[in-house]
């Protein structure tokens, strides 16, 4: 699943808040990543099950209304077992995360997002 250095990584952003999702997408696109958007776990699952769609990293809100981010990550890894996941949460959570998963607290700065995404993608290349 590693990205070719000449090809920008593709990040699936799963966020139910339209404004937050738009801001995250704008930042990631400015950082020259390819972004695929989902407004919730149902839409994300459709995207994830299409194995022709390249996804190098899934960034998901923890607090999705229909299925929380951890449940979505577990479902995603059924078809994409090595998929790195970055959880975004507005709550101070201290949870054990499996290999290839990380967390960023909301609100986060552009620099924090850039650094976290870069670090995750470097570990899977």
N, C-alpha and C. Protein backbone atom coordinates (compact mmCIF):
# COMPACT_ATOMS: atom_id res chain seq x y z
N UNK A 1 0.82 -1.18 0.00
CA UNK A 1 0.00 0.00 0.00
C UNK A 1 0.86 1.25 0.00
N UNK A 2 2.13 1.11 -0.10
CA UNK A 2 2.98 2.29 -0.03
C UNK A 2 2.84 3.14 -1.28
N UNK A 3 2.93 4.43 -1.06
CA UNK A 3 2.77 5.38 -2.15
C UNK A 3 4.09 5.52 -2.90
N UNK A 4 3.99 5.64 -4.21
CA UNK A 4 5.14 5.95 -5.03
C UNK A 4 5.52 7.39 -4.72
N UNK A 5 6.78 7.67 -4.43
CA UNK A 5 7.16 9.03 -4.06
C UNK A 5 6.75 10.07 -5.10
N UNK A 6 6.68 9.69 -6.39
CA UNK A 6 6.30 10.63 -7.44
C UNK A 6 4.78 10.84 -7.47
N UNK A 7 4.03 9.95 -6.86
CA UNK A 7 2.58 10.04 -6.85
C UNK A 7 2.12 10.46 -5.45
N UNK A 8 1.28 11.50 -5.38
CA UNK A 8 0.83 11.91 -4.04
C UNK A 8 -0.02 10.82 -3.39
N UNK A 9 0.12 10.70 -2.09
CA UNK A 9 -0.68 9.74 -1.34
C UNK A 9 -2.15 10.13 -1.42
N UNK A 10 -3.01 9.13 -1.36
CA UNK A 10 -4.46 9.36 -1.37
C UNK A 10 -4.99 9.15 0.03
N UNK A 11 -5.70 10.15 0.53
CA UNK A 11 -6.23 10.12 1.89
C UNK A 11 -7.75 10.17 1.84
N UNK A 12 -8.38 9.20 2.50
CA UNK A 12 -9.83 9.20 2.66
C UNK A 12 -10.15 9.96 3.94
N UNK A 13 -10.91 11.04 3.81
CA UNK A 13 -11.31 11.85 4.96
C UNK A 13 -12.78 11.56 5.25
N UNK A 14 -13.03 11.05 6.47
CA UNK A 14 -14.39 10.72 6.89
C UNK A 14 -14.77 11.66 8.03
N UNK A 15 -15.69 12.56 7.75
CA UNK A 15 -16.08 13.58 8.73
C UNK A 15 -17.52 13.99 8.43
N UNK A 16 -18.39 13.93 9.42
CA UNK A 16 -19.80 14.26 9.21
C UNK A 16 -20.08 15.75 9.26
N UNK A 17 -19.20 16.54 9.83
CA UNK A 17 -19.39 17.99 9.87
C UNK A 17 -18.83 18.57 8.57
N UNK A 18 -19.73 19.12 7.73
CA UNK A 18 -19.33 19.60 6.41
C UNK A 18 -18.21 20.63 6.45
N UNK A 19 -18.29 21.57 7.38
CA UNK A 19 -17.28 22.64 7.45
C UNK A 19 -15.93 22.06 7.87
N UNK A 20 -15.92 21.21 8.88
CA UNK A 20 -14.66 20.60 9.33
C UNK A 20 -14.05 19.76 8.20
N UNK A 21 -14.90 18.96 7.53
CA UNK A 21 -14.41 18.14 6.43
C UNK A 21 -13.82 19.02 5.33
N UNK A 22 -14.50 20.10 4.97
CA UNK A 22 -14.02 20.99 3.92
C UNK A 22 -12.66 21.59 4.30
N UNK A 23 -12.49 22.00 5.55
CA UNK A 23 -11.22 22.57 5.99
C UNK A 23 -10.09 21.54 5.93
N UNK A 24 -10.37 20.32 6.40
CA UNK A 24 -9.36 19.27 6.37
C UNK A 24 -8.97 18.95 4.93
N UNK A 25 -9.96 18.83 4.06
CA UNK A 25 -9.70 18.54 2.65
C UNK A 25 -8.86 19.65 2.02
N UNK A 26 -9.23 20.90 2.29
CA UNK A 26 -8.47 22.02 1.74
C UNK A 26 -7.01 21.99 2.17
N UNK A 27 -6.78 21.72 3.44
CA UNK A 27 -5.40 21.67 3.96
C UNK A 27 -4.64 20.53 3.30
N UNK A 28 -5.23 19.35 3.25
CA UNK A 28 -4.54 18.19 2.67
C UNK A 28 -4.25 18.40 1.18
N UNK A 29 -5.19 19.02 0.47
CA UNK A 29 -4.95 19.30 -0.94
C UNK A 29 -3.84 20.34 -1.12
N UNK A 30 -3.79 21.34 -0.23
CA UNK A 30 -2.69 22.31 -0.28
C UNK A 30 -1.35 21.63 -0.03
N UNK A 31 -1.37 20.57 0.76
CA UNK A 31 -0.15 19.80 1.03
C UNK A 31 0.14 18.80 -0.09
N UNK A 32 -0.67 18.87 -1.16
CA UNK A 32 -0.49 18.08 -2.38
C UNK A 32 -0.83 16.61 -2.24
N UNK A 33 -1.75 16.29 -1.33
CA UNK A 33 -2.28 14.94 -1.25
C UNK A 33 -3.53 14.87 -2.13
N UNK A 34 -3.84 13.68 -2.61
CA UNK A 34 -5.10 13.43 -3.28
C UNK A 34 -6.09 13.08 -2.19
N UNK A 35 -7.28 13.66 -2.22
CA UNK A 35 -8.24 13.45 -1.15
C UNK A 35 -9.55 12.88 -1.70
N UNK A 36 -10.06 11.88 -1.01
CA UNK A 36 -11.38 11.32 -1.26
C UNK A 36 -12.19 11.63 -0.01
N UNK A 37 -13.42 12.13 -0.19
CA UNK A 37 -14.24 12.55 0.94
C UNK A 37 -15.41 11.61 1.18
N UNK A 38 -15.74 11.44 2.46
CA UNK A 38 -16.96 10.72 2.86
C UNK A 38 -17.59 11.49 4.00
N UNK A 39 -18.92 11.65 3.95
CA UNK A 39 -19.60 12.41 4.99
C UNK A 39 -20.07 11.55 6.15
N UNK A 40 -19.72 10.28 6.12
CA UNK A 40 -20.08 9.37 7.21
C UNK A 40 -19.56 7.98 6.91
N UNK A 41 -19.82 7.07 7.84
CA UNK A 41 -19.27 5.72 7.70
C UNK A 41 -19.91 4.94 6.56
N UNK A 42 -21.18 5.16 6.26
CA UNK A 42 -21.82 4.43 5.16
C UNK A 42 -21.14 4.75 3.83
N UNK A 43 -20.94 6.03 3.57
CA UNK A 43 -20.27 6.44 2.34
C UNK A 43 -18.82 5.95 2.33
N UNK A 44 -18.16 6.01 3.46
CA UNK A 44 -16.77 5.54 3.56
C UNK A 44 -16.67 4.05 3.25
N UNK A 45 -17.61 3.27 3.75
CA UNK A 45 -17.57 1.82 3.52
C UNK A 45 -17.70 1.49 2.03
N UNK A 46 -18.54 2.23 1.33
CA UNK A 46 -18.68 2.01 -0.11
C UNK A 46 -17.34 2.28 -0.80
N UNK A 47 -16.70 3.37 -0.44
CA UNK A 47 -15.40 3.73 -1.02
C UNK A 47 -14.35 2.68 -0.68
N UNK A 48 -14.31 2.26 0.58
CA UNK A 48 -13.30 1.30 1.03
C UNK A 48 -13.46 -0.07 0.40
N UNK A 49 -14.70 -0.48 0.13
CA UNK A 49 -14.94 -1.81 -0.44
C UNK A 49 -14.56 -1.86 -1.92
N UNK A 50 -14.46 -0.69 -2.57
CA UNK A 50 -14.01 -0.65 -3.95
C UNK A 50 -12.49 -0.70 -3.95
N UNK A 51 -11.95 -1.88 -4.08
CA UNK A 51 -10.50 -2.05 -3.96
C UNK A 51 -9.72 -1.44 -5.12
N UNK A 52 -10.43 -0.97 -6.15
CA UNK A 52 -9.77 -0.25 -7.24
C UNK A 52 -9.45 1.18 -6.83
N UNK A 53 -10.09 1.67 -5.78
CA UNK A 53 -9.82 3.02 -5.29
C UNK A 53 -8.62 2.98 -4.36
N UNK A 54 -7.57 3.68 -4.76
CA UNK A 54 -6.35 3.71 -3.94
C UNK A 54 -6.60 4.56 -2.70
N UNK A 55 -6.26 4.01 -1.55
CA UNK A 55 -6.34 4.74 -0.28
C UNK A 55 -5.06 4.40 0.48
N UNK A 56 -4.26 5.43 0.78
CA UNK A 56 -3.02 5.22 1.52
C UNK A 56 -3.18 5.50 3.01
N UNK A 57 -4.23 6.25 3.35
CA UNK A 57 -4.49 6.61 4.74
C UNK A 57 -5.95 6.99 4.88
N UNK A 58 -6.58 6.52 5.94
CA UNK A 58 -7.94 6.97 6.25
C UNK A 58 -7.87 7.85 7.48
N UNK A 59 -8.39 9.07 7.35
CA UNK A 59 -8.51 9.98 8.49
C UNK A 59 -9.99 10.04 8.83
N UNK A 60 -10.36 9.63 10.03
CA UNK A 60 -11.77 9.59 10.39
C UNK A 60 -12.03 10.23 11.74
N UNK A 61 -13.16 10.91 11.80
CA UNK A 61 -13.66 11.43 13.07
C UNK A 61 -14.00 10.22 13.94
N UNK A 62 -13.73 10.32 15.22
CA UNK A 62 -14.11 9.23 16.13
C UNK A 62 -15.61 9.22 16.34
N UNK A 63 -16.21 10.40 16.47
CA UNK A 63 -17.62 10.50 16.82
C UNK A 63 -18.54 10.64 15.63
N UNK A 64 -18.61 9.62 14.80
CA UNK A 64 -19.55 9.62 13.68
C UNK A 64 -20.92 9.17 14.18
N UNK A 65 -22.00 9.67 13.59
CA UNK A 65 -23.33 9.36 14.12
C UNK A 65 -23.80 7.92 13.91
N UNK A 66 -23.45 7.29 12.79
CA UNK A 66 -24.00 5.96 12.53
C UNK A 66 -23.09 4.81 12.94
N UNK A 67 -21.81 5.03 12.94
CA UNK A 67 -20.82 4.02 13.35
C UNK A 67 -19.60 4.81 13.78
N UNK A 68 -19.08 4.57 14.96
CA UNK A 68 -17.95 5.40 15.37
C UNK A 68 -16.69 5.05 14.58
N UNK A 69 -15.72 5.93 14.66
CA UNK A 69 -14.51 5.79 13.87
C UNK A 69 -13.75 4.50 14.12
N UNK A 70 -13.76 4.03 15.36
CA UNK A 70 -13.05 2.77 15.65
C UNK A 70 -13.75 1.59 14.98
N UNK A 71 -15.07 1.60 14.98
CA UNK A 71 -15.81 0.53 14.30
C UNK A 71 -15.57 0.60 12.79
N UNK A 72 -15.55 1.81 12.25
CA UNK A 72 -15.27 1.99 10.82
C UNK A 72 -13.88 1.47 10.48
N UNK A 73 -12.89 1.76 11.32
CA UNK A 73 -11.53 1.29 11.07
C UNK A 73 -11.48 -0.23 11.08
N UNK A 74 -12.19 -0.86 12.01
CA UNK A 74 -12.22 -2.33 12.06
C UNK A 74 -12.84 -2.89 10.79
N UNK A 75 -13.92 -2.27 10.31
CA UNK A 75 -14.55 -2.71 9.07
C UNK A 75 -13.61 -2.50 7.89
N UNK A 76 -12.95 -1.36 7.85
CA UNK A 76 -12.03 -1.04 6.75
C UNK A 76 -10.90 -2.05 6.66
N UNK A 77 -10.42 -2.48 7.79
CA UNK A 77 -9.29 -3.40 7.80
C UNK A 77 -9.68 -4.83 7.42
N UNK A 78 -10.96 -5.10 7.31
CA UNK A 78 -11.38 -6.41 6.80
C UNK A 78 -11.02 -6.55 5.33
N UNK A 79 -11.17 -5.47 4.57
CA UNK A 79 -10.82 -5.52 3.15
C UNK A 79 -9.45 -4.91 2.86
N UNK A 80 -8.96 -4.08 3.78
CA UNK A 80 -7.65 -3.42 3.61
C UNK A 80 -6.87 -3.56 4.92
N UNK A 81 -6.35 -4.75 5.17
CA UNK A 81 -5.75 -5.04 6.49
C UNK A 81 -4.59 -4.15 6.91
N UNK A 82 -3.88 -3.58 5.97
CA UNK A 82 -2.71 -2.76 6.30
C UNK A 82 -3.02 -1.27 6.31
N UNK A 83 -4.28 -0.89 6.14
CA UNK A 83 -4.64 0.53 6.00
C UNK A 83 -4.30 1.32 7.26
N UNK A 84 -3.45 2.34 7.14
CA UNK A 84 -3.19 3.21 8.28
C UNK A 84 -4.42 4.09 8.55
N UNK A 85 -4.66 4.37 9.82
CA UNK A 85 -5.83 5.15 10.21
C UNK A 85 -5.39 6.25 11.16
N UNK A 86 -5.88 7.46 10.89
CA UNK A 86 -5.67 8.60 11.77
C UNK A 86 -7.03 9.01 12.31
N UNK A 87 -7.22 8.86 13.60
CA UNK A 87 -8.46 9.25 14.24
C UNK A 87 -8.37 10.71 14.66
N UNK A 88 -9.46 11.46 14.46
CA UNK A 88 -9.55 12.83 14.93
C UNK A 88 -10.64 12.88 15.98
N UNK A 89 -10.32 13.46 17.13
CA UNK A 89 -11.29 13.49 18.21
C UNK A 89 -11.22 14.81 18.96
N UNK A 90 -12.38 15.31 19.31
CA UNK A 90 -12.45 16.52 20.12
C UNK A 90 -12.42 16.23 21.60
N UNK A 91 -12.32 14.97 21.95
CA UNK A 91 -12.30 14.56 23.35
C UNK A 91 -10.92 14.08 23.73
N UNK A 92 -10.53 14.34 24.94
CA UNK A 92 -9.23 13.85 25.44
C UNK A 92 -9.39 12.36 25.73
N UNK A 93 -9.01 11.57 24.76
CA UNK A 93 -9.14 10.13 24.91
C UNK A 93 -7.76 9.51 25.05
N UNK A 94 -7.69 8.56 25.90
CA UNK A 94 -6.47 7.80 26.05
C UNK A 94 -6.83 6.35 25.78
N UNK A 95 -6.61 5.94 24.54
CA UNK A 95 -6.97 4.58 24.17
C UNK A 95 -5.76 3.90 23.55
N UNK A 96 -5.71 2.60 23.71
CA UNK A 96 -4.68 1.82 23.06
C UNK A 96 -5.06 1.66 21.60
N UNK A 97 -4.16 2.01 20.73
CA UNK A 97 -4.44 1.90 19.30
C UNK A 97 -3.59 0.80 18.70
N UNK A 98 -4.19 0.00 17.82
CA UNK A 98 -3.42 -1.04 17.14
C UNK A 98 -2.34 -0.44 16.24
N UNK A 99 -1.44 -1.28 15.82
CA UNK A 99 -0.37 -0.90 14.88
C UNK A 99 -0.97 -0.20 13.67
N UNK A 100 -0.33 0.89 13.25
CA UNK A 100 -0.78 1.60 12.05
C UNK A 100 -1.91 2.57 12.30
N UNK A 101 -2.24 2.81 13.58
CA UNK A 101 -3.30 3.76 13.90
C UNK A 101 -2.74 4.82 14.83
N UNK A 102 -3.24 6.04 14.68
CA UNK A 102 -2.78 7.16 15.49
C UNK A 102 -3.96 8.09 15.74
N UNK A 103 -3.76 9.09 16.59
CA UNK A 103 -4.84 10.01 16.94
C UNK A 103 -4.32 11.43 16.91
N UNK A 104 -5.21 12.35 16.51
CA UNK A 104 -4.93 13.78 16.56
C UNK A 104 -6.13 14.44 17.24
N UNK A 105 -5.86 15.35 18.17
CA UNK A 105 -6.92 16.01 18.91
C UNK A 105 -7.45 17.23 18.19
N UNK A 106 -8.77 17.38 18.20
CA UNK A 106 -9.40 18.58 17.63
C UNK A 106 -9.52 19.62 18.73
N UNK A 107 -9.31 20.85 18.46
CA UNK A 107 -8.85 21.39 17.18
C UNK A 107 -7.35 21.18 17.03
N UNK A 108 -6.92 21.04 15.79
CA UNK A 108 -5.50 20.86 15.52
C UNK A 108 -5.05 21.92 14.53
N UNK A 109 -3.76 22.20 14.57
CA UNK A 109 -3.21 23.20 13.65
C UNK A 109 -2.87 22.53 12.32
N UNK A 110 -2.67 23.36 11.31
CA UNK A 110 -2.25 22.85 10.01
C UNK A 110 -0.92 22.12 10.15
N UNK A 111 -0.01 22.68 10.94
CA UNK A 111 1.29 22.05 11.15
C UNK A 111 1.16 20.69 11.83
N UNK A 112 0.28 20.60 12.83
CA UNK A 112 0.08 19.32 13.52
C UNK A 112 -0.47 18.27 12.54
N UNK A 113 -1.44 18.66 11.72
CA UNK A 113 -2.01 17.73 10.75
C UNK A 113 -0.95 17.31 9.73
N UNK A 114 -0.21 18.27 9.21
CA UNK A 114 0.83 17.97 8.24
C UNK A 114 1.85 16.98 8.81
N UNK A 115 2.32 17.26 10.00
CA UNK A 115 3.35 16.42 10.62
C UNK A 115 2.83 15.02 10.92
N UNK A 116 1.61 14.93 11.43
CA UNK A 116 1.03 13.63 11.78
C UNK A 116 0.84 12.78 10.52
N UNK A 117 0.27 13.36 9.47
CA UNK A 117 0.02 12.63 8.23
C UNK A 117 1.35 12.18 7.61
N UNK A 118 2.31 13.09 7.58
CA UNK A 118 3.63 12.75 7.00
C UNK A 118 4.27 11.59 7.76
N UNK A 119 4.23 11.65 9.08
CA UNK A 119 4.84 10.59 9.89
C UNK A 119 4.16 9.24 9.65
N UNK A 120 2.85 9.24 9.59
CA UNK A 120 2.12 7.97 9.35
C UNK A 120 2.47 7.41 7.99
N UNK A 121 2.44 8.26 6.96
CA UNK A 121 2.71 7.78 5.62
C UNK A 121 4.16 7.31 5.46
N UNK A 122 5.09 7.94 6.16
CA UNK A 122 6.50 7.51 6.09
C UNK A 122 6.68 6.13 6.70
N UNK A 123 5.89 5.77 7.68
CA UNK A 123 6.04 4.46 8.33
C UNK A 123 5.51 3.32 7.47
N UNK A 124 4.65 3.63 6.49
CA UNK A 124 4.10 2.56 5.65
C UNK A 124 4.77 2.48 4.30
N UNK A 125 5.69 3.38 4.02
CA UNK A 125 6.37 3.33 2.71
C UNK A 125 7.54 2.38 2.75
